[in-house]
N, C-alpha and C. Protein backbone atom coordinates (compact mmCIF):
# COMPACT_ATOMS: atom_id res chain seq x y z
N MET A 1 -6.89 138.03 15.05
CA MET A 1 -6.52 136.69 15.46
C MET A 1 -7.60 136.21 16.41
N THR A 2 -7.95 134.95 16.30
CA THR A 2 -8.99 134.41 17.17
C THR A 2 -8.45 134.25 18.57
N SER A 3 -9.36 134.13 19.54
CA SER A 3 -8.92 133.95 20.92
C SER A 3 -8.19 132.63 21.08
N ARG A 4 -8.56 131.62 20.29
CA ARG A 4 -7.85 130.33 20.35
C ARG A 4 -6.39 130.50 19.91
N ALA A 5 -6.19 131.20 18.81
CA ALA A 5 -4.84 131.42 18.31
C ALA A 5 -4.05 132.29 19.29
N ALA A 6 -4.70 133.31 19.86
CA ALA A 6 -4.03 134.16 20.83
C ALA A 6 -3.62 133.35 22.06
N GLY A 7 -4.48 132.45 22.49
CA GLY A 7 -4.15 131.59 23.62
C GLY A 7 -2.97 130.68 23.32
N LEU A 8 -2.95 130.11 22.11
CA LEU A 8 -1.82 129.26 21.73
C LEU A 8 -0.52 130.04 21.67
N LEU A 9 -0.58 131.26 21.11
CA LEU A 9 0.61 132.09 21.05
C LEU A 9 1.09 132.43 22.45
N SER A 10 0.18 132.76 23.35
CA SER A 10 0.55 133.07 24.73
C SER A 10 1.21 131.87 25.39
N LEU A 11 0.66 130.68 25.17
CA LEU A 11 1.23 129.47 25.74
C LEU A 11 2.63 129.22 25.20
N LEU A 12 2.81 129.38 23.90
CA LEU A 12 4.12 129.16 23.30
C LEU A 12 5.15 130.15 23.83
N LEU A 13 4.75 131.41 23.98
CA LEU A 13 5.68 132.42 24.46
C LEU A 13 6.01 132.23 25.93
N ALA A 14 5.15 131.56 26.67
CA ALA A 14 5.39 131.33 28.09
C ALA A 14 6.35 130.17 28.33
N LEU A 15 6.58 129.35 27.31
CA LEU A 15 7.49 128.22 27.48
C LEU A 15 8.91 128.72 27.67
N PRO A 16 9.72 128.00 28.44
CA PRO A 16 11.10 128.44 28.61
C PRO A 16 11.83 128.40 27.27
N ALA A 17 12.77 129.30 27.11
CA ALA A 17 13.53 129.36 25.86
C ALA A 17 14.33 128.08 25.67
N LEU A 18 14.34 127.60 24.46
CA LEU A 18 15.13 126.42 24.14
C LEU A 18 16.56 126.85 23.90
N PRO A 19 17.52 125.97 24.19
CA PRO A 19 18.89 126.33 23.91
C PRO A 19 19.07 126.53 22.41
N ALA A 20 19.97 127.43 22.06
CA ALA A 20 20.22 127.70 20.64
C ALA A 20 20.76 126.45 19.97
N ARG A 21 20.28 126.19 18.77
CA ARG A 21 20.75 125.05 18.00
C ARG A 21 21.64 125.57 16.89
N ALA A 22 21.86 124.72 15.93
CA ALA A 22 22.64 125.13 14.77
C ALA A 22 21.95 126.30 14.09
N GLU A 23 22.67 126.97 13.22
CA GLU A 23 22.13 128.14 12.52
C GLU A 23 20.78 127.86 11.88
N HIS A 24 20.60 126.70 11.30
CA HIS A 24 19.32 126.32 10.70
C HIS A 24 18.68 125.25 11.56
N ALA A 25 17.52 125.53 12.06
CA ALA A 25 16.80 124.56 12.88
C ALA A 25 16.31 123.42 11.99
N THR A 26 16.14 122.27 12.59
CA THR A 26 15.59 121.13 11.87
C THR A 26 14.07 121.20 11.93
N LEU A 27 13.47 121.25 10.77
CA LEU A 27 12.02 121.34 10.67
C LEU A 27 11.45 120.02 10.19
N PRO A 28 10.23 119.69 10.58
CA PRO A 28 9.57 118.55 9.96
C PRO A 28 9.48 118.82 8.45
N PRO A 29 9.61 117.79 7.62
CA PRO A 29 9.63 118.00 6.16
C PRO A 29 8.43 118.79 5.63
N ASP A 30 7.24 118.56 6.17
CA ASP A 30 6.08 119.28 5.64
C ASP A 30 6.10 120.77 6.02
N LEU A 31 6.67 121.10 7.18
CA LEU A 31 6.81 122.50 7.56
C LEU A 31 7.94 123.16 6.76
N GLU A 32 9.01 122.44 6.53
CA GLU A 32 10.11 122.93 5.68
C GLU A 32 9.56 123.28 4.29
N LYS A 33 8.69 122.42 3.78
CA LYS A 33 8.09 122.65 2.46
C LYS A 33 7.31 123.97 2.44
N THR A 34 6.55 124.23 3.48
CA THR A 34 5.78 125.48 3.55
C THR A 34 6.71 126.69 3.60
N VAL A 35 7.79 126.59 4.38
CA VAL A 35 8.75 127.69 4.47
C VAL A 35 9.36 127.96 3.10
N ARG A 36 9.75 126.91 2.38
CA ARG A 36 10.37 127.08 1.05
C ARG A 36 9.35 127.59 0.03
N GLU A 37 8.08 127.19 0.17
CA GLU A 37 7.05 127.73 -0.72
C GLU A 37 6.87 129.23 -0.49
N PHE A 38 6.92 129.65 0.78
CA PHE A 38 6.83 131.07 1.08
C PHE A 38 8.03 131.81 0.49
N GLU A 39 9.22 131.25 0.69
CA GLU A 39 10.44 131.87 0.17
C GLU A 39 10.35 132.05 -1.36
N ALA A 40 9.90 131.02 -2.06
CA ALA A 40 9.79 131.08 -3.52
C ALA A 40 8.72 132.08 -3.95
N ALA A 41 7.56 132.07 -3.29
CA ALA A 41 6.48 132.98 -3.66
C ALA A 41 6.88 134.43 -3.39
N PHE A 42 7.55 134.67 -2.26
CA PHE A 42 8.03 136.01 -1.93
C PHE A 42 9.06 136.44 -2.96
N GLY A 43 10.00 135.55 -3.29
CA GLY A 43 11.03 135.86 -4.27
C GLY A 43 10.46 136.18 -5.64
N ALA A 44 9.37 135.52 -6.00
CA ALA A 44 8.70 135.78 -7.28
C ALA A 44 7.76 136.98 -7.18
N GLN A 45 7.63 137.54 -5.99
CA GLN A 45 6.73 138.65 -5.70
C GLN A 45 5.30 138.32 -6.15
N ASP A 46 4.89 137.10 -5.80
CA ASP A 46 3.57 136.58 -6.16
C ASP A 46 2.67 136.64 -4.93
N ALA A 47 1.94 137.73 -4.79
CA ALA A 47 1.09 137.94 -3.61
C ALA A 47 0.03 136.86 -3.46
N ASP A 48 -0.50 136.36 -4.57
CA ASP A 48 -1.53 135.32 -4.50
C ASP A 48 -0.96 134.04 -3.90
N ARG A 49 0.23 133.65 -4.32
CA ARG A 49 0.86 132.44 -3.76
C ARG A 49 1.22 132.64 -2.29
N VAL A 50 1.71 133.83 -1.94
CA VAL A 50 2.02 134.11 -0.53
C VAL A 50 0.75 134.02 0.29
N GLY A 51 -0.30 134.69 -0.14
CA GLY A 51 -1.57 134.69 0.59
C GLY A 51 -2.15 133.30 0.76
N ALA A 52 -1.99 132.44 -0.24
CA ALA A 52 -2.53 131.08 -0.18
C ALA A 52 -1.88 130.25 0.92
N LEU A 53 -0.69 130.65 1.38
CA LEU A 53 0.00 129.92 2.44
C LEU A 53 -0.51 130.29 3.83
N PHE A 54 -1.32 131.33 3.91
CA PHE A 54 -1.85 131.78 5.19
C PHE A 54 -3.13 131.03 5.53
N ASP A 55 -3.34 130.84 6.82
CA ASP A 55 -4.59 130.31 7.35
C ASP A 55 -5.70 131.30 6.99
N PRO A 56 -6.93 130.84 6.77
CA PRO A 56 -8.01 131.79 6.48
C PRO A 56 -8.15 132.89 7.54
N GLU A 57 -7.74 132.61 8.79
CA GLU A 57 -7.80 133.60 9.87
C GLU A 57 -6.44 134.22 10.13
N GLY A 58 -5.49 134.02 9.23
CA GLY A 58 -4.12 134.48 9.44
C GLY A 58 -3.99 135.99 9.56
N THR A 59 -2.92 136.40 10.23
CA THR A 59 -2.62 137.81 10.43
C THR A 59 -1.19 138.09 9.98
N PHE A 60 -1.00 139.21 9.32
CA PHE A 60 0.32 139.68 8.93
C PHE A 60 0.43 141.13 9.35
N ILE A 61 1.49 141.46 10.07
CA ILE A 61 1.77 142.85 10.44
C ILE A 61 3.14 143.17 9.88
N ASN A 62 3.20 144.07 8.90
CA ASN A 62 4.49 144.38 8.29
C ASN A 62 5.29 145.30 9.19
N PRO A 63 6.59 145.51 8.90
CA PRO A 63 7.42 146.33 9.78
C PRO A 63 6.95 147.78 9.92
N MET A 64 6.10 148.25 9.01
CA MET A 64 5.56 149.61 9.15
C MET A 64 4.34 149.64 10.06
N GLY A 65 3.94 148.47 10.57
CA GLY A 65 2.81 148.40 11.48
C GLY A 65 1.46 148.23 10.82
N GLN A 66 1.45 148.01 9.51
CA GLN A 66 0.18 147.81 8.81
C GLN A 66 -0.29 146.38 9.04
N ARG A 67 -1.51 146.25 9.54
CA ARG A 67 -2.07 144.95 9.91
C ARG A 67 -3.05 144.47 8.84
N ALA A 68 -2.89 143.20 8.47
CA ALA A 68 -3.82 142.55 7.54
C ALA A 68 -4.35 141.30 8.24
N VAL A 69 -5.66 141.15 8.28
CA VAL A 69 -6.29 140.01 8.94
C VAL A 69 -7.13 139.25 7.93
N GLY A 70 -6.91 137.96 7.84
CA GLY A 70 -7.62 137.13 6.88
C GLY A 70 -6.84 137.03 5.58
N ARG A 71 -7.02 135.92 4.91
CA ARG A 71 -6.24 135.64 3.70
C ARG A 71 -6.37 136.74 2.64
N GLU A 72 -7.57 137.26 2.43
CA GLU A 72 -7.75 138.31 1.41
C GLU A 72 -6.96 139.57 1.73
N GLN A 73 -7.04 140.02 2.98
CA GLN A 73 -6.30 141.23 3.37
C GLN A 73 -4.80 140.98 3.32
N VAL A 74 -4.36 139.79 3.75
CA VAL A 74 -2.93 139.46 3.71
C VAL A 74 -2.43 139.52 2.27
N THR A 75 -3.18 138.91 1.36
CA THR A 75 -2.80 138.92 -0.06
C THR A 75 -2.72 140.35 -0.57
N ALA A 76 -3.71 141.16 -0.24
CA ALA A 76 -3.73 142.57 -0.68
C ALA A 76 -2.54 143.34 -0.10
N GLN A 77 -2.19 143.07 1.16
CA GLN A 77 -1.06 143.78 1.78
C GLN A 77 0.25 143.41 1.08
N PHE A 78 0.44 142.11 0.82
CA PHE A 78 1.66 141.70 0.11
C PHE A 78 1.68 142.29 -1.31
N ARG A 79 0.54 142.32 -1.97
CA ARG A 79 0.49 142.90 -3.32
C ARG A 79 0.94 144.37 -3.26
N ASN A 80 0.42 145.11 -2.30
CA ASN A 80 0.80 146.51 -2.12
C ASN A 80 2.29 146.63 -1.80
N ASP A 81 2.79 145.82 -0.87
CA ASP A 81 4.20 145.89 -0.50
C ASP A 81 5.11 145.53 -1.68
N PHE A 82 4.72 144.51 -2.47
CA PHE A 82 5.53 144.12 -3.63
C PHE A 82 5.55 145.22 -4.70
N GLU A 83 4.52 146.02 -4.77
CA GLU A 83 4.47 147.11 -5.75
C GLU A 83 5.23 148.34 -5.28
N LYS A 84 5.49 148.42 -3.98
CA LYS A 84 6.12 149.63 -3.43
C LYS A 84 7.43 149.30 -2.74
N VAL A 85 7.40 149.17 -1.43
CA VAL A 85 8.62 149.04 -0.64
C VAL A 85 9.44 147.79 -0.96
N LEU A 86 8.80 146.71 -1.39
CA LEU A 86 9.52 145.47 -1.67
C LEU A 86 9.74 145.23 -3.17
N LYS A 87 9.47 146.23 -3.98
CA LYS A 87 9.60 146.06 -5.43
C LYS A 87 11.05 145.70 -5.79
N GLY A 88 11.19 144.58 -6.49
CA GLY A 88 12.51 144.15 -6.94
C GLY A 88 13.38 143.50 -5.87
N VAL A 89 12.83 143.22 -4.71
CA VAL A 89 13.60 142.62 -3.62
C VAL A 89 13.71 141.11 -3.81
N HIS A 90 14.90 140.59 -3.54
CA HIS A 90 15.14 139.15 -3.52
C HIS A 90 15.34 138.75 -2.07
N ASN A 91 14.98 137.51 -1.74
CA ASN A 91 15.08 137.11 -0.34
C ASN A 91 15.62 135.71 -0.17
N GLN A 92 16.12 135.48 1.04
CA GLN A 92 16.58 134.16 1.45
C GLN A 92 16.15 133.98 2.90
N LEU A 93 15.52 132.84 3.21
CA LEU A 93 15.04 132.58 4.56
C LEU A 93 15.92 131.57 5.27
N ALA A 94 16.11 131.78 6.56
CA ALA A 94 16.80 130.81 7.41
C ALA A 94 16.01 130.70 8.71
N VAL A 95 15.52 129.51 9.00
CA VAL A 95 14.80 129.29 10.26
C VAL A 95 15.85 129.06 11.33
N GLU A 96 15.90 129.96 12.31
CA GLU A 96 16.92 129.88 13.35
C GLU A 96 16.47 129.01 14.52
N ARG A 97 15.21 129.04 14.82
CA ARG A 97 14.67 128.21 15.91
C ARG A 97 13.25 127.82 15.57
N VAL A 98 12.85 126.69 16.09
CA VAL A 98 11.47 126.25 15.94
C VAL A 98 11.04 125.59 17.24
N ARG A 99 9.83 125.88 17.68
CA ARG A 99 9.23 125.20 18.83
C ARG A 99 7.96 124.54 18.31
N LEU A 100 7.89 123.24 18.49
CA LEU A 100 6.72 122.49 18.05
C LEU A 100 5.87 122.13 19.27
N LEU A 101 4.58 122.33 19.15
CA LEU A 101 3.64 121.96 20.19
C LEU A 101 2.44 121.37 19.48
N GLY A 102 2.52 120.07 19.23
CA GLY A 102 1.44 119.41 18.49
C GLY A 102 1.34 119.94 17.08
N ASP A 103 0.18 120.46 16.75
CA ASP A 103 -0.07 120.98 15.41
C ASP A 103 0.19 122.48 15.29
N VAL A 104 0.96 123.02 16.22
CA VAL A 104 1.31 124.44 16.20
C VAL A 104 2.83 124.54 16.26
N ALA A 105 3.39 125.48 15.51
CA ALA A 105 4.84 125.71 15.52
C ALA A 105 5.11 127.20 15.62
N LEU A 106 6.09 127.55 16.44
CA LEU A 106 6.55 128.93 16.56
C LEU A 106 7.95 128.97 15.97
N LEU A 107 8.14 129.78 14.95
CA LEU A 107 9.42 129.86 14.25
C LEU A 107 10.04 131.24 14.42
N ASP A 108 11.36 131.26 14.57
CA ASP A 108 12.14 132.49 14.54
C ASP A 108 12.89 132.44 13.23
N VAL A 109 12.58 133.35 12.32
CA VAL A 109 13.09 133.30 10.95
C VAL A 109 13.92 134.54 10.65
N ARG A 110 15.08 134.33 10.01
CA ARG A 110 15.89 135.43 9.51
C ARG A 110 15.66 135.52 8.01
N GLN A 111 15.36 136.70 7.52
CA GLN A 111 15.12 136.91 6.09
C GLN A 111 16.12 137.94 5.58
N THR A 112 17.01 137.49 4.70
CA THR A 112 18.00 138.38 4.11
C THR A 112 17.43 138.90 2.80
N LEU A 113 17.35 140.22 2.70
CA LEU A 113 16.76 140.88 1.53
C LEU A 113 17.84 141.65 0.78
N SER A 114 17.80 141.54 -0.54
CA SER A 114 18.75 142.29 -1.37
C SER A 114 18.00 142.88 -2.55
N GLY A 115 18.63 143.86 -3.19
CA GLY A 115 17.99 144.52 -4.31
C GLY A 115 16.92 145.47 -3.82
N GLY A 116 16.10 145.91 -4.74
CA GLY A 116 15.01 146.81 -4.36
C GLY A 116 15.50 148.14 -3.86
N HIS A 117 14.70 148.77 -3.04
CA HIS A 117 15.00 150.10 -2.53
C HIS A 117 14.81 150.11 -1.01
N PRO A 118 15.83 149.68 -0.25
CA PRO A 118 15.68 149.66 1.20
C PRO A 118 15.51 151.07 1.76
N PRO A 119 15.01 151.16 2.97
CA PRO A 119 14.85 152.47 3.59
C PRO A 119 16.20 153.18 3.69
N PRO A 120 16.22 154.51 3.69
CA PRO A 120 17.47 155.26 3.82
C PRO A 120 18.24 154.82 5.06
N GLY A 121 19.53 154.60 4.89
CA GLY A 121 20.39 154.21 6.00
C GLY A 121 20.35 152.74 6.35
N ALA A 122 19.51 151.97 5.67
CA ALA A 122 19.43 150.53 5.96
C ALA A 122 20.69 149.85 5.43
N PRO A 123 21.21 148.88 6.18
CA PRO A 123 22.39 148.15 5.70
C PRO A 123 22.02 147.33 4.48
N ARG A 124 23.01 146.99 3.68
CA ARG A 124 22.79 146.14 2.51
C ARG A 124 23.67 144.94 2.64
N PRO A 125 23.19 143.73 2.46
CA PRO A 125 21.76 143.45 2.35
C PRO A 125 21.07 143.77 3.68
N TRP A 126 19.78 143.98 3.63
CA TRP A 126 19.03 144.25 4.85
C TRP A 126 18.50 142.94 5.38
N VAL A 127 18.47 142.83 6.68
CA VAL A 127 18.07 141.59 7.32
C VAL A 127 16.85 141.85 8.21
N ALA A 128 15.80 141.12 7.92
CA ALA A 128 14.60 141.19 8.74
C ALA A 128 14.53 139.91 9.58
N HIS A 129 13.87 140.00 10.68
CA HIS A 129 13.58 138.82 11.50
C HIS A 129 12.07 138.72 11.56
N ALA A 130 11.57 137.52 11.69
CA ALA A 130 10.12 137.35 11.78
C ALA A 130 9.79 136.29 12.82
N VAL A 131 8.77 136.58 13.57
CA VAL A 131 8.16 135.59 14.45
C VAL A 131 6.98 135.05 13.65
N VAL A 132 6.96 133.74 13.48
CA VAL A 132 5.94 133.09 12.66
C VAL A 132 5.23 132.03 13.49
N LEU A 133 3.93 132.09 13.53
CA LEU A 133 3.12 131.06 14.17
C LEU A 133 2.41 130.31 13.05
N ALA A 134 2.64 129.01 12.99
CA ALA A 134 2.03 128.18 11.94
C ALA A 134 1.17 127.11 12.60
N ARG A 135 0.15 126.67 11.86
CA ARG A 135 -0.74 125.64 12.38
C ARG A 135 -0.94 124.59 11.28
N ARG A 136 -0.86 123.32 11.70
CA ARG A 136 -1.11 122.22 10.76
C ARG A 136 -2.59 121.85 10.84
N ALA A 137 -3.25 121.89 9.69
CA ALA A 137 -4.66 121.52 9.60
C ALA A 137 -4.88 120.82 8.28
N ASP A 138 -5.62 119.75 8.31
CA ASP A 138 -5.91 118.98 7.09
C ASP A 138 -4.64 118.57 6.36
N GLY A 139 -3.60 118.24 7.13
CA GLY A 139 -2.36 117.73 6.55
C GLY A 139 -1.43 118.77 5.97
N ALA A 140 -1.73 120.06 6.14
CA ALA A 140 -0.86 121.10 5.59
C ALA A 140 -0.60 122.17 6.65
N TRP A 141 0.60 122.74 6.63
CA TRP A 141 0.94 123.84 7.51
C TRP A 141 0.47 125.14 6.86
N ARG A 142 -0.19 125.97 7.64
CA ARG A 142 -0.63 127.28 7.19
C ARG A 142 -0.08 128.33 8.16
N LEU A 143 0.22 129.50 7.63
CA LEU A 143 0.75 130.59 8.44
C LEU A 143 -0.41 131.26 9.16
N LEU A 144 -0.32 131.29 10.47
CA LEU A 144 -1.39 131.85 11.29
C LEU A 144 -1.08 133.30 11.68
N ASP A 145 0.20 133.58 11.92
CA ASP A 145 0.60 134.92 12.34
C ASP A 145 2.04 135.14 11.90
N VAL A 146 2.31 136.21 11.15
CA VAL A 146 3.66 136.53 10.69
C VAL A 146 3.93 137.99 11.03
N ARG A 147 5.03 138.20 11.76
CA ARG A 147 5.39 139.56 12.19
C ARG A 147 6.87 139.80 11.96
N PRO A 148 7.23 140.34 10.80
CA PRO A 148 8.63 140.68 10.55
C PRO A 148 8.99 142.00 11.23
N TYR A 149 10.26 142.12 11.61
CA TYR A 149 10.74 143.33 12.26
C TYR A 149 12.23 143.46 11.96
N PHE A 150 12.76 144.65 12.21
CA PHE A 150 14.18 144.92 12.03
C PHE A 150 14.77 145.31 13.37
N PHE A 151 16.01 144.87 13.61
CA PHE A 151 16.73 145.31 14.81
C PHE A 151 17.36 146.66 14.51
N LEU A 152 17.35 147.54 15.45
CA LEU A 152 17.97 148.84 15.27
C LEU A 152 19.48 148.72 15.30
N HIS A 153 20.14 149.52 14.51
CA HIS A 153 21.59 149.64 14.50
C HIS A 153 22.30 148.33 14.22
N GLY A 154 21.72 147.48 13.41
CA GLY A 154 22.40 146.27 12.97
C GLY A 154 22.49 145.17 14.01
N GLY A 155 21.86 145.33 15.16
CA GLY A 155 21.89 144.27 16.16
C GLY A 155 21.04 143.10 15.70
N GLY A 156 21.10 142.05 16.42
CA GLY A 156 20.31 140.88 16.11
C GLY A 156 20.30 139.97 17.31
N PRO A 157 19.68 138.81 17.19
CA PRO A 157 19.66 137.89 18.33
C PRO A 157 21.08 137.56 18.76
N GLY A 158 21.36 137.76 20.00
CA GLY A 158 22.68 137.44 20.55
C GLY A 158 23.74 138.48 20.27
N ALA A 159 23.39 139.57 19.59
CA ALA A 159 24.37 140.61 19.28
C ALA A 159 24.77 141.31 20.57
N LYS A 160 26.04 141.63 20.64
CA LYS A 160 26.52 142.36 21.81
C LYS A 160 26.18 143.83 21.62
N THR A 161 25.69 144.42 22.67
CA THR A 161 25.38 145.84 22.60
C THR A 161 26.50 146.61 23.26
N ALA A 162 26.66 147.82 22.82
CA ALA A 162 27.70 148.66 23.40
C ALA A 162 27.31 149.01 24.83
N PRO A 163 28.30 149.06 25.72
CA PRO A 163 27.97 149.43 27.10
C PRO A 163 27.46 150.86 27.15
N ARG A 164 26.57 151.09 28.08
CA ARG A 164 26.03 152.44 28.26
C ARG A 164 27.13 153.33 28.81
N PRO A 165 27.19 154.58 28.35
CA PRO A 165 28.22 155.48 28.87
C PRO A 165 28.01 155.70 30.37
N GLN A 166 29.12 155.73 31.07
CA GLN A 166 29.07 155.94 32.51
C GLN A 166 28.96 157.44 32.80
N ARG A 167 28.13 157.76 33.75
CA ARG A 167 28.02 159.15 34.17
C ARG A 167 29.23 159.48 35.01
N LYS A 168 29.79 160.64 34.76
CA LYS A 168 30.95 161.06 35.55
C LYS A 168 30.45 161.56 36.90
N ALA A 169 31.21 161.19 37.90
CA ALA A 169 30.88 161.69 39.23
C ALA A 169 31.21 163.17 39.28
N PRO A 170 30.39 163.94 39.96
CA PRO A 170 30.70 165.37 40.05
C PRO A 170 32.03 165.57 40.77
N THR A 171 32.79 166.52 40.28
CA THR A 171 34.06 166.82 40.93
C THR A 171 33.79 167.65 42.18
N PRO A 172 34.46 167.28 43.25
CA PRO A 172 34.24 168.03 44.49
C PRO A 172 34.74 169.47 44.34
N PRO A 173 34.07 170.42 45.01
CA PRO A 173 34.49 171.84 44.91
C PRO A 173 35.81 172.10 45.56
């Protein structure tokens, strides 16, 4: 990622959290179009179409930690993932939050995956979350940084966690 993109991401992350909105955030129509194009390309397992949605300097880090930088590497990574871990997977995207700052957008996306061969012990359907940084250039939104991840033990944004077990006080002799 370029230092300019890293600076923009740092600025966006430093902004105070916006209050939660409805389950689906309202996106500008052109950004919504890009999200739906990604959803369709991913669903068709078309690595070339997915890669074309990325900025030439875009970065993708999959949940296994494999990093792809630049459109060619991103396309190759998706091609590899579609042939292996994501083979036969169907998906549905829901943008939960969006922060717009001029020609840059930070999205919190929930991706529900079904079919395929999820990792052992993964819930079905499996739900991934992704932090997505997009940039509008030449009238089109391009994906600058995409980082999907999974919450451990089925948690998610706003999920209540179990209280930590209390240590018992030692009994007096």
